[in-house]
PDB file of N, CA and C in Angstrom:
ATOM      1  N   UNK A   1       1.057  -1.118  -0.559  1.00  0.00           N
ATOM      2  CA  UNK A   1      -0.663   0.113  -0.283  1.00  0.00           C
ATOM      3  C   UNK A   1       1.012   1.362   0.113  1.00  0.00           C
ATOM      4  N   UNK A   2       0.866   2.483  -0.350  1.00  0.00           N
ATOM      5  CA  UNK A   2       1.306   3.495  -1.158  1.00  0.00           C
ATOM      6  C   UNK A   2       0.598   4.661  -0.375  1.00  0.00           C
ATOM      7  N   UNK A   3       1.998   5.091   0.423  1.00  0.00           N
ATOM      8  CA  UNK A   3       1.527   5.794   1.307  1.00  0.00           C
ATOM      9  C   UNK A   3       0.707   6.954   1.630  1.00  0.00           C
ATOM     10  N   UNK A   4       0.292   7.144  -0.216  1.00  0.00           N
ATOM     11  CA  UNK A   4      -0.999   8.156   0.040  1.00  0.00           C
ATOM     12  C   UNK A   4      -2.398   7.148  -0.005  1.00  0.00           C
ATOM     13  N   UNK A   5      -2.848   6.085  -0.418  1.00  0.00           N
ATOM     14  CA  UNK A   5      -4.055   5.277  -0.004  1.00  0.00           C
ATOM     15  C   UNK A   5      -3.720   5.147   1.610  1.00  0.00           C
ATOM     16  N   UNK A   6      -2.055   4.902   2.292  1.00  0.00           N
ATOM     17  CA  UNK A   6      -2.185   4.849   4.084  1.00  0.00           C
ATOM     18  C   UNK A   6      -3.247   5.332   4.192  1.00  0.00           C
ATOM     19  N   UNK A   7      -2.768   6.961   4.116  1.00  0.00           N
ATOM     20  CA  UNK A   7      -3.043   7.723   4.132  1.00  0.00           C
ATOM     21  C   UNK A   7      -4.632   8.590   4.141  1.00  0.00           C
ATOM     22  N   UNK A   8      -4.891   7.392   3.278  1.00  0.00           N
ATOM     23  CA  UNK A   8      -6.491   8.348   3.306  1.00  0.00           C
ATOM     24  C   UNK A   8      -7.224   7.101   3.795  1.00  0.00           C
ATOM     25  N   UNK A   9      -7.151   5.312   4.176  1.00  0.00           N
ATOM     26  CA  UNK A   9      -7.482   5.028   5.145  1.00  0.00           C
ATOM     27  C   UNK A   9      -7.318   4.861   6.428  1.00  0.00           C
ATOM     28  N   UNK A  10      -6.591   5.753   6.751  1.00  0.00           N
ATOM     29  CA  UNK A  10      -6.400   5.928   8.404  1.00  0.00           C
ATOM     30  C   UNK A  10      -7.344   7.222   7.997  1.00  0.00           C
ATOM     31  N   UNK A  11      -7.514   8.147   7.485  1.00  0.00           N
ATOM     32  CA  UNK A  11      -8.231   9.326   7.199  1.00  0.00           C
ATOM     33  C   UNK A  11      -9.609   8.972   6.920  1.00  0.00           C
ATOM     34  N   UNK A  12     -10.250   7.719   6.753  1.00  0.00           N
ATOM     35  CA  UNK A  12     -11.957   7.064   6.248  1.00  0.00           C
ATOM     36  C   UNK A  12     -11.637   6.429   7.758  1.00  0.00           C
ATOM     37  N   UNK A  13     -10.850   6.265   8.753  1.00  0.00           N
ATOM     38  CA  UNK A  13     -11.152   5.452   9.377  1.00  0.00           C
ATOM     39  C   UNK A  13     -11.315   3.655   9.454  1.00  0.00           C
ATOM     40  N   UNK A  14     -10.545   3.642   8.484  1.00  0.00           N
ATOM     41  CA  UNK A  14     -10.171   1.525   8.232  1.00  0.00           C
ATOM     42  C   UNK A  14     -10.093   1.391   9.155  1.00  0.00           C
ATOM     43  N   UNK A  15     -10.420   0.121  10.078  1.00  0.00           N
ATOM     44  CA  UNK A  15     -10.232  -0.209  11.380  1.00  0.00           C
ATOM     45  C   UNK A  15      -8.875  -1.569  11.031  1.00  0.00           C
ATOM     46  N   UNK A  16      -8.663  -1.741   9.965  1.00  0.00           N
ATOM     47  CA  UNK A  16      -7.193  -2.991   9.999  1.00  0.00           C
ATOM     48  C   UNK A  16      -6.424  -2.296   9.627  1.00  0.00           C
ATOM     49  N   UNK A  17      -6.205  -1.012   9.054  1.00  0.00           N
ATOM     50  CA  UNK A  17      -5.161  -0.477   8.624  1.00  0.00           C
ATOM     51  C   UNK A  17      -3.428  -1.106   9.822  1.00  0.00           C
ATOM     52  N   UNK A  18      -3.815  -1.305  10.699  1.00  0.00           N
ATOM     53  CA  UNK A  18      -1.883  -2.180  11.279  1.00  0.00           C
ATOM     54  C   UNK A  18      -1.848  -3.362  10.544  1.00  0.00           C
ATOM     55  N   UNK A  19      -2.774  -4.038   9.981  1.00  0.00           N
ATOM     56  CA  UNK A  19      -2.162  -4.517   9.710  1.00  0.00           C
ATOM     57  C   UNK A  19      -1.587  -4.587   7.672  1.00  0.00           C
ATOM     58  N   UNK A  20      -1.528  -3.260   7.638  1.00  0.00           N
ATOM     59  CA  UNK A  20      -0.384  -2.927   6.073  1.00  0.00           C
ATOM     60  C   UNK A  20       0.770  -2.237   6.821  1.00  0.00           C
ATOM     61  N   UNK A  21       1.019  -3.042   7.966  1.00  0.00           N
ATOM     62  CA  UNK A  21       2.229  -2.226   8.644  1.00  0.00           C
ATOM     63  C   UNK A  21       3.111  -3.294   8.873  1.00  0.00           C
ATOM     64  N   UNK A  22       4.548  -2.852   8.446  1.00  0.00           N
ATOM     65  CA  UNK A  22       5.465  -3.694   8.913  1.00  0.00           C
ATOM     66  C   UNK A  22       6.330  -2.932   9.956  1.00  0.00           C
ATOM     67  N   UNK A  23       5.983  -4.466  11.007  1.00  0.00           N
ATOM     68  CA  UNK A  23       6.189  -4.278  12.441  1.00  0.00           C
ATOM     69  C   UNK A  23       7.096  -4.569  12.969  1.00  0.00           C
ATOM     70  N   UNK A  24       8.206  -5.111  11.988  1.00  0.00           N
ATOM     71  CA  UNK A  24       9.116  -5.805  12.376  1.00  0.00           C
ATOM     72  C   UNK A  24      10.360  -5.082  12.790  1.00  0.00           C
ATOM     73  N   UNK A  25      10.651  -4.323  11.855  1.00  0.00           N
ATOM     74  CA  UNK A  25      11.812  -2.691  12.126  1.00  0.00           C
ATOM     75  C   UNK A  25      11.234  -1.497  13.083  1.00  0.00           C
ATOM     76  N   UNK A  26       9.822  -1.595  13.852  1.00  0.00           N
ATOM     77  CA  UNK A  26       9.596  -1.079  14.409  1.00  0.00           C
ATOM     78  C   UNK A  26      10.789  -0.893  15.583  1.00  0.00           C
ATOM     79  N   UNK A  27      10.870   0.702  15.678  1.00  0.00           N
ATOM     80  CA  UNK A  27      11.295   0.651  17.519  1.00  0.00           C
ATOM     81  C   UNK A  27      10.741   1.694  18.198  1.00  0.00           C
ATOM     82  N   UNK A  28      10.691   1.963  19.610  1.00  0.00           N
ATOM     83  CA  UNK A  28      10.792   3.173  20.198  1.00  0.00           C
ATOM     84  C   UNK A  28      11.540   4.212  20.492  1.00  0.00           C
ATOM     85  N   UNK A  29      11.871   5.273  19.432  1.00  0.00           N
ATOM     86  CA  UNK A  29      12.302   6.321  19.972  1.00  0.00           C
ATOM     87  C   UNK A  29      13.010   6.406  21.294  1.00  0.00           C
ATOM     88  N   UNK A  30      13.998   6.937  21.544  1.00  0.00           N
ATOM     89  CA  UNK A  30      14.780   6.620  22.865  1.00  0.00           C
ATOM     90  C   UNK A  30      14.403   5.648  24.136  1.00  0.00           C
ATOM     91  N   UNK A  31      14.448   5.071  23.560  1.00  0.00           N
ATOM     92  CA  UNK A  31      14.343   3.122  24.444  1.00  0.00           C
ATOM     93  C   UNK A  31      15.148   1.883  24.279  1.00  0.00           C
ATOM     94  N   UNK A  32      15.473   2.742  23.374  1.00  0.00           N
ATOM     95  CA  UNK A  32      16.548   1.222  23.734  1.00  0.00           C
ATOM     96  C   UNK A  32      17.578   0.846  24.581  1.00  0.00           C
ATOM     97  N   UNK A  33      17.848  -0.356  24.638  1.00  0.00           N
ATOM     98  CA  UNK A  33      17.959  -0.707  26.172  1.00  0.00           C
ATOM     99  C   UNK A  33      19.603  -0.344  25.747  1.00  0.00           C
ATOM    100  N   UNK A  34      20.317  -0.207  26.991  1.00  0.00           N
ATOM    101  CA  UNK A  34      21.878  -0.034  27.061  1.00  0.00           C
ATOM    102  C   UNK A  34      22.581  -1.328  28.346  1.00  0.00           C
ATOM    103  N   UNK A  35      23.431  -1.841  28.585  1.00  0.00           N
ATOM    104  CA  UNK A  35      23.369  -2.659  29.909  1.00  0.00           C
ATOM    105  C   UNK A  35      24.223  -2.058  30.393  1.00  0.00           C
ATOM    106  N   UNK A  36      24.325  -2.101  31.475  1.00  0.00           N
ATOM    107  CA  UNK A  36      25.316  -1.494  32.585  1.00  0.00           C
ATOM    108  C   UNK A  36      25.244  -1.712  33.668  1.00  0.00           C
ATOM    109  N   UNK A  37      26.524  -1.650  33.943  1.00  0.00           N
ATOM    110  CA  UNK A  37      27.100  -2.885  35.901  1.00  0.00           C
ATOM    111  C   UNK A  37      26.990  -1.625  36.511  1.00  0.00           C
ATOM    112  N   UNK A  38      26.259  -1.731  38.316  1.00  0.00           N
ATOM    113  CA  UNK A  38      26.870  -1.486  38.798  1.00  0.00           C
ATOM    114  C   UNK A  38      27.228  -1.273  40.183  1.00  0.00           C
ATOM    115  N   UNK A  39      27.929  -1.006  40.995  1.00  0.00           N
ATOM    116  CA  UNK A  39      28.486  -2.003  42.113  1.00  0.00           C
ATOM    117  C   UNK A  39      26.894  -0.953  43.278  1.00  0.00           C
ATOM    118  N   UNK A  40      26.827  -1.593  43.816  1.00  0.00           N
ATOM    119  CA  UNK A  40      26.336  -1.131  45.081  1.00  0.00           C
ATOM    120  C   UNK A  40      26.942  -1.382  46.463  1.00  0.00           C
ATOM    121  N   UNK A  41      26.858  -0.377  47.077  1.00  0.00           N
ATOM    122  CA  UNK A  41      27.287  -1.901  49.208  1.00  0.00           C
ATOM    123  C   UNK A  41      26.025  -2.651  49.106  1.00  0.00           C
ATOM    124  N   UNK A  42      26.409  -3.856  50.213  1.00  0.00           N
ATOM    125  CA  UNK A  42      25.435  -5.021  50.337  1.00  0.00           C
ATOM    126  C   UNK A  42      24.395  -4.252  50.560  1.00  0.00           C
ATOM    127  N   UNK A  43      24.325  -3.157  51.912  1.00  0.00           N
ATOM    128  CA  UNK A  43      23.210  -3.010  52.361  1.00  0.00           C
ATOM    129  C   UNK A  43      22.167  -2.448  51.594  1.00  0.00           C
ATOM    130  N   UNK A  44      22.985  -1.421  50.517  1.00  0.00           N
ATOM    131  CA  UNK A  44      22.369  -0.992  49.854  1.00  0.00           C
ATOM    132  C   UNK A  44      20.927  -2.144  48.588  1.00  0.00           C
ATOM    133  N   UNK A  45      21.587  -3.333  48.599  1.00  0.00           N
ATOM    134  CA  UNK A  45      21.035  -4.250  47.912  1.00  0.00           C
ATOM    135  C   UNK A  45      20.443  -5.113  48.671  1.00  0.00           C
ATOM    136  N   UNK A  46      20.540  -4.965  50.374  1.00  0.00           N
ATOM    137  CA  UNK A  46      19.659  -5.647  50.823  1.00  0.00           C
ATOM    138  C   UNK A  46      18.009  -5.184  50.877  1.00  0.00           C
ATOM    139  N   UNK A  47      18.551  -4.409  51.051  1.00  0.00           N
ATOM    140  CA  UNK A  47      17.349  -2.290  50.576  1.00  0.00           C
ATOM    141  C   UNK A  47      16.280  -2.739  49.754  1.00  0.00           C
ATOM    142  N   UNK A  48      17.437  -2.867  48.663  1.00  0.00           N
ATOM    143  CA  UNK A  48      17.046  -2.477  47.520  1.00  0.00           C
ATOM    144  C   UNK A  48      15.584  -3.785  46.905  1.00  0.00           C
ATOM    145  N   UNK A  49      16.157  -4.739  47.563  1.00  0.00           N
ATOM    146  CA  UNK A  49      15.566  -6.832  47.776  1.00  0.00           C
ATOM    147  C   UNK A  49      13.961  -6.494  48.697  1.00  0.00           C
ATOM    148  N   UNK A  50      14.769  -5.523  49.962  1.00  0.00           N
ATOM    149  CA  UNK A  50      13.667  -5.463  50.659  1.00  0.00           C
ATOM    150  C   UNK A  50      12.464  -4.759  50.138  1.00  0.00           C
ATOM    151  N   UNK A  51      12.046  -3.929  49.813  1.00  0.00           N
ATOM    152  CA  UNK A  51      11.415  -2.565  49.242  1.00  0.00           C
ATOM    153  C   UNK A  51      11.321  -3.484  47.913  1.00  0.00           C
ATOM    154  N   UNK A  52      11.946  -4.227  47.002  1.00  0.00           N
ATOM    155  CA  UNK A  52      11.179  -4.518  45.688  1.00  0.00           C
ATOM    156  C   UNK A  52      10.182  -6.040  45.999  1.00  0.00           C
ATOM    157  N   UNK A  53      10.612  -6.727  47.205  1.00  0.00           N
ATOM    158  CA  UNK A  53       9.706  -7.747  47.530  1.00  0.00           C
ATOM    159  C   UNK A  53       8.324  -7.079  47.911  1.00  0.00           C
ATOM    160  N   UNK A  54       8.459  -6.422  48.404  1.00  0.00           N
ATOM    161  CA  UNK A  54       7.481  -5.672  49.330  1.00  0.00           C
ATOM    162  C   UNK A  54       6.495  -4.900  48.567  1.00  0.00           C
ATOM    163  N   UNK A  55       7.035  -4.348  47.259  1.00  0.00           N
ATOM    164  CA  UNK A  55       5.760  -3.965  46.339  1.00  0.00           C
ATOM    165  C   UNK A  55       5.965  -4.997  45.204  1.00  0.00           C
ATOM    166  N   UNK A  56       6.247  -5.715  45.933  1.00  0.00           N
ATOM    167  CA  UNK A  56       5.914  -7.462  44.248  1.00  0.00           C
ATOM    168  C   UNK A  56       6.705  -7.153  43.047  1.00  0.00           C
ATOM    169  N   UNK A  57       7.606  -6.920  43.085  1.00  0.00           N
ATOM    170  CA  UNK A  57       8.533  -6.203  41.658  1.00  0.00           C
ATOM    171  C   UNK A  57       9.704  -6.794  42.006  1.00  0.00           C
ATOM    172  N   UNK A  58      10.722  -6.931  41.201  1.00  0.00           N
ATOM    173  CA  UNK A  58      11.799  -6.793  40.559  1.00  0.00           C
ATOM    174  C   UNK A  58      13.060  -6.568  41.398  1.00  0.00           C
ATOM    175  N   UNK A  59      14.574  -6.180  41.996  1.00  0.00           N
ATOM    176  CA  UNK A  59      15.501  -5.250  41.893  1.00  0.00           C
ATOM    177  C   UNK A  59      15.615  -3.938  41.117  1.00  0.00           C
ATOM    178  N   UNK A  60      15.856  -4.897  39.989  1.00  0.00           N
ATOM    179  CA  UNK A  60      15.971  -4.685  38.300  1.00  0.00           C
ATOM    180  C   UNK A  60      14.396  -3.381  38.232  1.00  0.00           C
ATOM    181  N   UNK A  61      13.698  -3.277  38.256  1.00  0.00           N
ATOM    182  CA  UNK A  61      12.152  -2.870  38.019  1.00  0.00           C
ATOM    183  C   UNK A  61      12.523  -1.676  39.479  1.00  0.00           C
ATOM    184  N   UNK A  62      12.769  -1.684  40.010  1.00  0.00           N
ATOM    185  CA  UNK A  62      12.126  -0.770  41.518  1.00  0.00           C
ATOM    186  C   UNK A  62      13.889  -0.019  41.223  1.00  0.00           C
ATOM    187  N   UNK A  63      14.501  -0.379  40.699  1.00  0.00           N
ATOM    188  CA  UNK A  63      16.083   0.646  40.386  1.00  0.00           C
ATOM    189  C   UNK A  63      15.902   1.477  39.315  1.00  0.00           C
ATOM    190  N   UNK A  64      15.027   1.229  38.031  1.00  0.00           N
ATOM    191  CA  UNK A  64      14.780   1.160  36.519  1.00  0.00           C
ATOM    192  C   UNK A  64      13.255   2.583  38.062  1.00  0.00           C
ATOM    193  N   UNK A  65      12.860   1.949  37.913  1.00  0.00           N
ATOM    194  CA  UNK A  65      11.575   3.388  38.325  1.00  0.00           C
ATOM    195  C   UNK A  65      12.213   4.387  39.003  1.00  0.00           C
ATOM    196  N   UNK A  66      13.253   4.218  40.170  1.00  0.00           N
ATOM    197  CA  UNK A  66      13.151   5.303  40.388  1.00  0.00           C
ATOM    198  C   UNK A  66      14.053   6.034  39.996  1.00  0.00           C
ATOM    199  N   UNK A  67      14.918   5.744  39.136  1.00  0.00           N
ATOM    200  CA  UNK A  67      15.779   6.365  38.630  1.00  0.00           C
ATOM    201  C   UNK A  67      15.333   6.983  37.810  1.00  0.00           C
ATOM    202  N   UNK A  68      14.265   6.355  37.002  1.00  0.00           N
ATOM    203  CA  UNK A  68      13.763   7.758  35.677  1.00  0.00           C
ATOM    204  C   UNK A  68      12.904   8.897  36.888  1.00  0.00           C
ATOM    205  N   UNK A  69      12.191   8.311  37.807  1.00  0.00           N
ATOM    206  CA  UNK A  69      11.772   9.273  38.583  1.00  0.00           C
ATOM    207  C   UNK A  69      12.867  10.356  38.954  1.00  0.00           C
ATOM    208  N   UNK A  70      13.254  10.087  39.333  1.00  0.00           N
ATOM    209  CA  UNK A  70      14.929  11.007  39.734  1.00  0.00           C
ATOM    210  C   UNK A  70      15.210  11.926  39.121  1.00  0.00           C
ATOM    211  N   UNK A  71      14.962  11.462  37.849  1.00  0.00           N
ATOM    212  CA  UNK A  71      15.679  12.330  36.755  1.00  0.00           C
ATOM    213  C   UNK A  71      14.901  13.090  36.564  1.00  0.00           C
ATOM    214  N   UNK A  72      13.611  12.717  36.184  1.00  0.00           N
ATOM    215  CA  UNK A  72      12.671  13.075  35.613  1.00  0.00           C
ATOM    216  C   UNK A  72      12.488  14.660  37.254  1.00  0.00           C
ATOM    217  N   UNK A  73      12.365  14.575  38.207  1.00  0.00           N
ATOM    218  CA  UNK A  73      12.168  15.538  38.595  1.00  0.00           C
ATOM    219  C   UNK A  73      13.381  16.378  38.470  1.00  0.00           C
ATOM    220  N   UNK A  74      14.707  16.235  38.381  1.00  0.00           N
ATOM    221  CA  UNK A  74      15.571  17.073  38.351  1.00  0.00           C
ATOM    222  C   UNK A  74      15.465  17.757  36.924  1.00  0.00           C
ATOM    223  N   UNK A  75      14.932  17.103  35.733  1.00  0.00           N
ATOM    224  CA  UNK A  75      14.891  17.514  34.234  1.00  0.00           C
ATOM    225  C   UNK A  75      13.275  19.152  34.585  1.00  0.00           C
ATOM    226  N   UNK A  76      12.862  18.668  35.885  1.00  0.00           N
ATOM    227  CA  UNK A  76      11.422  19.466  36.034  1.00  0.00           C
ATOM    228  C   UNK A  76      11.999  20.781  36.678  1.00  0.00           C
ATOM    229  N   UNK A  77      13.148  20.322  37.413  1.00  0.00           N
ATOM    230  CA  UNK A  77      13.784  21.636  38.433  1.00  0.00           C
ATOM    231  C   UNK A  77      14.589  22.388  37.662  1.00  0.00           C
ATOM    232  N   UNK A  78      15.266  21.671  36.824  1.00  0.00           N
ATOM    233  CA  UNK A  78      16.551  22.364  36.044  1.00  0.00           C
ATOM    234  C   UNK A  78      15.370  23.527  35.115  1.00  0.00           C
ATOM    235  N   UNK A  79      14.513  22.512  34.202  1.00  0.00           N
ATOM    236  CA  UNK A  79      13.142  23.493  33.067  1.00  0.00           C
ATOM    237  C   UNK A  79      12.131  23.490  33.498  1.00  0.00           C
ATOM    238  N   UNK A  80      11.500  24.304  34.759  1.00  0.00           N
ATOM    239  CA  UNK A  80      10.193  24.462  34.704  1.00  0.00           C
ATOM    240  C   UNK A  80       9.523  24.403  33.585  1.00  0.00           C
ATOM    241  N   UNK A  81       8.300  24.184  34.254  1.00  0.00           N
ATOM    242  CA  UNK A  81       7.303  23.653  32.997  1.00  0.00           C
ATOM    243  C   UNK A  81       7.288  24.988  31.837  1.00  0.00           C
ATOM    244  N   UNK A  82       7.188  26.151  32.620  1.00  0.00           N
ATOM    245  CA  UNK A  82       7.047  27.731  31.467  1.00  0.00           C
ATOM    246  C   UNK A  82       8.337  26.697  29.707  1.00  0.00           C
ATOM    247  N   UNK A  83       9.523  26.662  30.676  1.00  0.00           N
ATOM    248  CA  UNK A  83      10.463  26.321  29.571  1.00  0.00           C
ATOM    249  C   UNK A  83      10.817  25.578  28.851  1.00  0.00           C
ATOM    250  N   UNK A  84       9.964  24.893  29.437  1.00  0.00           N
ATOM    251  CA  UNK A  84       9.885  23.442  28.125  1.00  0.00           C
ATOM    252  C   UNK A  84       9.090  23.230  27.211  1.00  0.00           C
ATOM    253  N   UNK A  85       8.031  23.976  27.182  1.00  0.00           N
ATOM    254  CA  UNK A  85       6.701  24.402  25.912  1.00  0.00           C
ATOM    255  C   UNK A  85       5.929  24.336  26.449  1.00  0.00           C
ATOM    256  N   UNK A  86       5.679  23.997  27.992  1.00  0.00           N
ATOM    257  CA  UNK A  86       4.401  23.271  28.473  1.00  0.00           C
ATOM    258  C   UNK A  86       3.302  24.583  29.242  1.00  0.00           C
TER     259      UNK A  86
END
């Protein structure tokens, strides 16, 4: 299907338009994974494990969530909403 046909089908509300997409090479921008190694003191790992178990997630998940939350908070502090175009 050519791009113009695809656009027309989308605009017309054709529901099975996703079948026309090749999702085998699709990727999410800025979401590529990159492996890193981080060394923590044993007490930090123990604390992470306890908190992860308490809320029912893995150690890796809690580290990711907490880091993302902190980075977002830092970005919000550094660039207030007015300066971010919001």
